[in-house]
Amino acid sequence: MRNTADHASVQSDNRQSDNRNDCCSSIISNLGALVEQVRANMKLIELAIAGEASLGNQEAAASIVVLDDVTPRYVRANAALNACNAGLGAALDLLRDIRTAKQEAAGAEDQPVCLTRCA
């Protein structure tokens, strides 16, 4: 009877460990996708700034003065996304470090580890 209870306890612990690994992997995957979205938007903003600059050059060639109030907003938006990218990247690194530490600890105890692919 005791052996059956110990086996059930081990199975319960393994399920909880797998759930935590799945949760961590899901968070890492979602953060990775979010980082890629932020970077894609930063590229779009950079293209918009370049487009505004080329329009300004064409208008300057035609001796038209344009008061550009849009580019500074693009620059501020890009700076905010850059800060967001840095913060998300740091969070992603921390979560990957946590998962690696757990895997190393499980390996040292000869326990099975659920290995999943990171984003």
C-alpha atoms as a PDB file:
ATOM      1  CA  MET A   1       0.000   0.000   0.000  1.00  0.00           C
ATOM      2  CA  ARG A   2       2.809   2.374   0.877  1.00  0.00           C
ATOM      3  CA  ASN A   3       4.531   1.664  -2.467  1.00  0.00           C
ATOM      4  CA  THR A   4       1.360   2.599  -4.387  1.00  0.00           C
ATOM      5  CA  ALA A   5       1.048   5.879  -2.456  1.00  0.00           C
ATOM      6  CA  ASP A   6       4.712   6.720  -3.140  1.00  0.00           C
ATOM      7  CA  HIS A   7       4.244   5.966  -6.852  1.00  0.00           C
ATOM      8  CA  ALA A   8       1.135   8.205  -7.002  1.00  0.00           C
ATOM      9  CA  SER A   9       3.049  10.981  -5.260  1.00  0.00           C
ATOM     10  CA  VAL A  10       5.922  10.735  -7.761  1.00  0.00           C
ATOM     11  CA  GLN A  11       3.476  10.801 -10.682  1.00  0.00           C
ATOM     12  CA  SER A  12       1.758  13.868  -9.215  1.00  0.00           C
ATOM     13  CA  ASP A  13       5.125  15.632  -8.786  1.00  0.00           C
ATOM     14  CA  ASN A  14       6.090  14.789 -12.401  1.00  0.00           C
ATOM     15  CA  ARG A  15       2.763  16.171 -13.703  1.00  0.00           C
ATOM     16  CA  GLN A  16       3.251  19.395 -11.725  1.00  0.00           C
ATOM     17  CA  SER A  17       6.803  19.693 -13.036  1.00  0.00           C
ATOM     18  CA  ASP A  18       5.609  19.138 -16.608  1.00  0.00           C
ATOM     19  CA  ASN A  19       2.884  21.774 -16.137  1.00  0.00           C
ATOM     20  CA  ARG A  20       5.474  24.280 -14.885  1.00  0.00           C
ATOM     21  CA  ASN A  21       7.774  23.457 -17.823  1.00  0.00           C
ATOM     22  CA  ASP A  22       4.875  23.855 -20.263  1.00  0.00           C
ATOM     23  CA  CYS A  23       3.912  27.171 -18.659  1.00  0.00           C
ATOM     24  CA  CYS A  24       7.484  28.466 -18.771  1.00  0.00           C
ATOM     25  CA  SER A  25       7.875  27.345 -22.375  1.00  0.00           C
ATOM     26  CA  SER A  26       4.598  29.001 -23.310  1.00  0.00           C
ATOM     27  CA  ILE A  27       5.685  32.284 -21.718  1.00  0.00           C
ATOM     28  CA  ILE A  28       9.064  32.115 -23.463  1.00  0.00           C
ATOM     29  CA  SER A  29       7.397  31.415 -26.790  1.00  0.00           C
ATOM     30  CA  ASN A  30       4.910  34.276 -26.370  1.00  0.00           C
ATOM     31  CA  LEU A  31       7.631  36.724 -25.307  1.00  0.00           C
ATOM     32  CA  GLY A  32       9.760  35.667 -28.275  1.00  0.00           C
ATOM     33  CA  ALA A  33       6.864  36.368 -30.637  1.00  0.00           C
ATOM     34  CA  LEU A  34       6.265  39.726 -28.961  1.00  0.00           C
ATOM     35  CA  VAL A  35       9.939  40.670 -29.334  1.00  0.00           C
ATOM     36  CA  GLU A  36       9.719  39.864 -33.053  1.00  0.00           C
ATOM     37  CA  GLN A  37       6.589  42.035 -33.378  1.00  0.00           C
ATOM     38  CA  VAL A  38       8.289  44.938 -31.622  1.00  0.00           C
ATOM     39  CA  ARG A  39      11.330  44.624 -33.897  1.00  0.00           C
ATOM     40  CA  ALA A  40       9.135  44.467 -37.011  1.00  0.00           C
ATOM     41  CA  ASN A  41       7.343  47.650 -35.917  1.00  0.00           C
ATOM     42  CA  MET A  42      10.673  49.355 -35.262  1.00  0.00           C
ATOM     43  CA  LYS A  43      11.682  48.561 -38.850  1.00  0.00           C
ATOM     44  CA  LEU A  44       8.385  49.960 -40.130  1.00  0.00           C
ATOM     45  CA  ILE A  45       8.946  53.174 -38.191  1.00  0.00           C
ATOM     46  CA  GLU A  46      12.486  53.450 -39.552  1.00  0.00           C
ATOM     47  CA  LEU A  47      11.084  53.049 -43.086  1.00  0.00           C
ATOM     48  CA  ALA A  48       8.477  55.737 -42.372  1.00  0.00           C
ATOM     49  CA  ILE A  49      11.190  58.097 -41.098  1.00  0.00           C
ATOM     50  CA  ALA A  50      13.263  57.417 -44.215  1.00  0.00           C
ATOM     51  CA  GLY A  51      10.188  58.052 -46.377  1.00  0.00           C
ATOM     52  CA  GLU A  52       9.534  61.352 -44.596  1.00  0.00           C
ATOM     53  CA  ALA A  53      13.174  62.356 -45.093  1.00  0.00           C
ATOM     54  CA  SER A  54      13.062  61.617 -48.820  1.00  0.00           C
ATOM     55  CA  LEU A  55       9.841  63.628 -49.164  1.00  0.00           C
ATOM     56  CA  GLY A  56      11.522  66.485 -47.335  1.00  0.00           C
ATOM     57  CA  ASN A  57      14.470  66.358 -49.739  1.00  0.00           C
ATOM     58  CA  GLN A  58      12.147  66.462 -52.761  1.00  0.00           C
ATOM     59  CA  GLU A  59      10.228  69.405 -51.336  1.00  0.00           C
ATOM     60  CA  ALA A  60      13.451  71.218 -50.473  1.00  0.00           C
ATOM     61  CA  ALA A  61      14.564  70.799 -54.067  1.00  0.00           C
ATOM     62  CA  ALA A  62      11.317  72.459 -55.144  1.00  0.00           C
ATOM     63  CA  SER A  63      12.020  75.363 -52.733  1.00  0.00           C
ATOM     64  CA  ILE A  64       9.054  74.470 -50.530  1.00  0.00           C
ATOM     65  CA  VAL A  65       9.503  74.800 -46.783  1.00  0.00           C
ATOM     66  CA  VAL A  66       7.801  72.070 -44.769  1.00  0.00           C
ATOM     67  CA  LEU A  67       7.362  72.177 -41.024  1.00  0.00           C
ATOM     68  CA  ASP A  68       7.823  68.540 -40.066  1.00  0.00           C
ATOM     69  CA  ASP A  69       5.960  67.667 -36.903  1.00  0.00           C
ATOM     70  CA  VAL A  70       5.595  63.961 -37.728  1.00  0.00           C
ATOM     71  CA  THR A  71       9.214  62.746 -37.681  1.00  0.00           C
ATOM     72  CA  PRO A  72       9.834  63.644 -34.009  1.00  0.00           C
ATOM     73  CA  ARG A  73       6.801  61.522 -33.110  1.00  0.00           C
ATOM     74  CA  TYR A  74       8.216  58.629 -35.110  1.00  0.00           C
ATOM     75  CA  VAL A  75      11.528  59.050 -33.308  1.00  0.00           C
ATOM     76  CA  ARG A  76       9.820  59.052 -29.887  1.00  0.00           C
ATOM     77  CA  ALA A  77       7.737  56.009 -30.822  1.00  0.00           C
ATOM     78  CA  ASN A  78      10.861  54.219 -32.019  1.00  0.00           C
ATOM     79  CA  ALA A  79      12.662  55.089 -28.768  1.00  0.00           C
ATOM     80  CA  ALA A  80       9.738  53.691 -26.744  1.00  0.00           C
ATOM     81  CA  LEU A  81       9.765  50.493 -28.796  1.00  0.00           C
ATOM     82  CA  ASN A  82      13.524  50.244 -28.357  1.00  0.00           C
ATOM     83  CA  ALA A  83      13.106  50.420 -24.569  1.00  0.00           C
ATOM     84  CA  CYS A  84      10.309  47.855 -24.776  1.00  0.00           C
ATOM     85  CA  ASN A  85      12.520  45.574 -26.885  1.00  0.00           C
ATOM     86  CA  ALA A  86      15.306  45.811 -24.317  1.00  0.00           C
ATOM     87  CA  GLY A  87      12.954  45.026 -21.425  1.00  0.00           C
ATOM     88  CA  LEU A  88      11.318  42.108 -23.212  1.00  0.00           C
ATOM     89  CA  GLY A  89      14.724  40.757 -24.211  1.00  0.00           C
ATOM     90  CA  ALA A  90      15.877  40.899 -20.591  1.00  0.00           C
ATOM     91  CA  ALA A  91      12.715  39.116 -19.417  1.00  0.00           C
ATOM     92  CA  LEU A  92      13.212  36.459 -22.089  1.00  0.00           C
ATOM     93  CA  ASP A  93      16.821  35.898 -21.015  1.00  0.00           C
ATOM     94  CA  LEU A  94      15.800  35.585 -17.358  1.00  0.00           C
ATOM     95  CA  LEU A  95      13.115  33.017 -18.149  1.00  0.00           C
ATOM     96  CA  ARG A  96      15.514  31.020 -20.294  1.00  0.00           C
ATOM     97  CA  ASP A  97      18.049  31.094 -17.441  1.00  0.00           C
ATOM     98  CA  ILE A  98      15.394  29.824 -14.998  1.00  0.00           C
ATOM     99  CA  ARG A  99      14.478  26.976 -17.308  1.00  0.00           C
ATOM    100  CA  THR A 100      18.140  26.077 -17.887  1.00  0.00           C
ATOM    101  CA  ALA A 101      18.827  26.079 -14.139  1.00  0.00           C
ATOM    102  CA  LYS A 102      15.826  23.812 -13.540  1.00  0.00           C
ATOM    103  CA  GLN A 103      16.968  21.452 -16.275  1.00  0.00           C
ATOM    104  CA  GLU A 104      20.475  21.322 -14.832  1.00  0.00           C
ATOM    105  CA  ALA A 105      19.101  20.650 -11.341  1.00  0.00           C
ATOM    106  CA  ALA A 106      16.838  17.910 -12.673  1.00  0.00           C
ATOM    107  CA  GLY A 107      19.755  16.418 -14.604  1.00  0.00           C
ATOM    108  CA  ALA A 108      21.888  16.371 -11.482  1.00  0.00           C
ATOM    109  CA  GLU A 109      19.152  14.434  -9.696  1.00  0.00           C
ATOM    110  CA  ASP A 110      18.701  12.096 -12.698  1.00  0.00           C
ATOM    111  CA  GLN A 111      15.103  13.205 -13.116  1.00  0.00           C
ATOM    112  CA  PRO A 112      13.471  13.425 -16.549  1.00  0.00           C
ATOM    113  CA  VAL A 113      13.279  16.941 -17.931  1.00  0.00           C
ATOM    114  CA  CYS A 114      10.774  18.178 -20.447  1.00  0.00           C
ATOM    115  CA  LEU A 115      12.861  19.855 -23.135  1.00  0.00           C
ATOM    116  CA  THR A 116      11.048  22.227 -25.441  1.00  0.00           C
ATOM    117  CA  ARG A 117      12.129  24.520 -28.234  1.00  0.00           C
ATOM    118  CA  CYS A 118      12.490  28.222 -27.438  1.00  0.00           C
ATOM    119  CA  ALA A 119      11.220  30.964 -29.682  1.00  0.00           C
END
